[in-house]
């Protein structure tokens, strides 16, 4: 499963507490994390990812997030999002 997320508000002068909390949650969940300029993605087993999503929402809100954008994709055995594989058929 792949989870992609961003937390707001953005801060140009530093790394906000809600973003730190989000990163800590996915790290502690044991997900493979990729931090990009506009968001973070994390991959792992379904059970890990779903538990991390719940905790991510709770922790980021508790640390000041006012908006959390979240996208969840199921992956095939090769790690490709199932929706993308279906679109290419």
Protein backbone atom coordinates (compact mmCIF):
# COMPACT_ATOMS: atom_id res chain seq x y z
CA UNK A 1 0.00 0.00 0.00
CA UNK A 2 1.23 3.49 -0.78
CA UNK A 3 0.27 6.53 1.27
CA UNK A 4 0.99 10.03 -0.02
CA UNK A 5 0.38 13.03 2.20
CA UNK A 6 1.00 16.70 2.86
CA UNK A 7 0.26 18.67 5.98
CA UNK A 8 -0.48 22.37 6.23
CA UNK A 9 0.13 25.16 7.01
CA UNK A 10 3.40 25.34 5.12
CA UNK A 11 6.30 27.17 6.73
CA UNK A 12 9.07 28.54 4.56
CA UNK A 13 11.43 29.25 7.45
CA UNK A 14 11.53 25.80 8.99
CA UNK A 15 10.07 22.37 9.44
CA UNK A 16 6.72 22.68 11.26
CA UNK A 17 5.90 20.46 14.22
CA UNK A 18 3.01 18.78 12.37
CA UNK A 19 5.38 17.78 9.55
CA UNK A 20 7.88 16.40 12.07
CA UNK A 21 5.07 14.40 13.71
CA UNK A 22 3.98 12.98 10.34
CA UNK A 23 7.49 11.85 9.49
CA UNK A 24 7.95 10.29 12.92
CA UNK A 25 4.69 8.32 12.56
CA UNK A 26 5.59 6.76 9.21
CA UNK A 27 9.12 6.02 10.36
CA UNK A 28 7.89 4.34 13.54
CA UNK A 29 5.36 2.33 11.50
CA UNK A 30 8.25 0.80 9.56
CA UNK A 31 7.11 2.18 6.20
CA UNK A 32 9.57 3.00 3.40
CA UNK A 33 9.54 6.79 3.20
CA UNK A 34 10.29 9.17 0.34
CA UNK A 35 10.18 12.89 1.14
CA UNK A 36 9.56 15.14 -1.84
CA UNK A 37 9.27 18.90 -2.28
CA UNK A 38 5.45 18.88 -2.23
CA UNK A 39 4.69 15.89 -0.04
CA UNK A 40 5.78 12.62 1.43
CA UNK A 41 5.06 9.08 0.31
CA UNK A 42 5.36 5.95 2.39
CA UNK A 43 4.95 2.30 1.37
CA UNK A 44 4.41 -0.85 3.32
CA UNK A 45 2.05 -3.68 4.08
CA UNK A 46 -1.64 -2.82 4.26
CA UNK A 47 -1.95 -3.36 8.02
CA UNK A 48 1.08 -1.13 8.71
CA UNK A 49 -0.10 1.60 6.37
CA UNK A 50 -3.68 1.73 7.64
CA UNK A 51 -2.53 1.92 11.26
CA UNK A 52 -0.07 4.66 10.33
CA UNK A 53 -2.78 6.70 8.58
CA UNK A 54 -4.93 6.82 11.68
CA UNK A 55 -2.02 7.79 13.87
CA UNK A 56 -0.76 10.29 11.28
CA UNK A 57 -4.08 12.13 11.30
CA UNK A 58 -4.25 12.22 15.09
CA UNK A 59 -0.64 13.28 15.62
CA UNK A 60 -0.46 15.96 12.93
CA UNK A 61 -3.69 17.60 14.09
CA UNK A 62 -2.42 17.51 17.68
CA UNK A 63 0.74 19.28 16.47
CA UNK A 64 -1.02 22.11 14.62
CA UNK A 65 -1.96 20.81 11.17
CA UNK A 66 -4.97 22.64 9.79
CA UNK A 67 -5.24 20.53 6.64
CA UNK A 68 -3.97 17.08 5.71
CA UNK A 69 -4.11 15.94 2.10
CA UNK A 70 -3.99 12.17 1.82
CA UNK A 71 -4.01 9.69 -1.03
CA UNK A 72 -3.91 5.94 -0.55
CA UNK A 73 -3.13 3.46 -3.34
CA UNK A 74 -3.05 -0.30 -3.35
CA UNK A 75 0.04 -1.77 -5.00
CA UNK A 76 0.53 -4.85 -7.13
CA UNK A 77 3.31 -7.35 -6.53
CA UNK A 78 5.76 -5.17 -8.47
CA UNK A 79 4.99 -2.12 -6.33
CA UNK A 80 3.00 -0.36 -9.05
CA UNK A 81 -0.26 1.28 -7.95
CA UNK A 82 -3.08 -1.00 -9.11
CA UNK A 83 -5.02 1.94 -10.59
CA UNK A 84 -2.05 2.86 -12.82
CA UNK A 85 -1.64 -0.74 -13.97
CA UNK A 86 -5.33 -0.88 -14.90
CA UNK A 87 -5.11 2.41 -16.81
CA UNK A 88 -2.24 1.15 -18.96
CA UNK A 89 -4.15 -1.93 -20.16
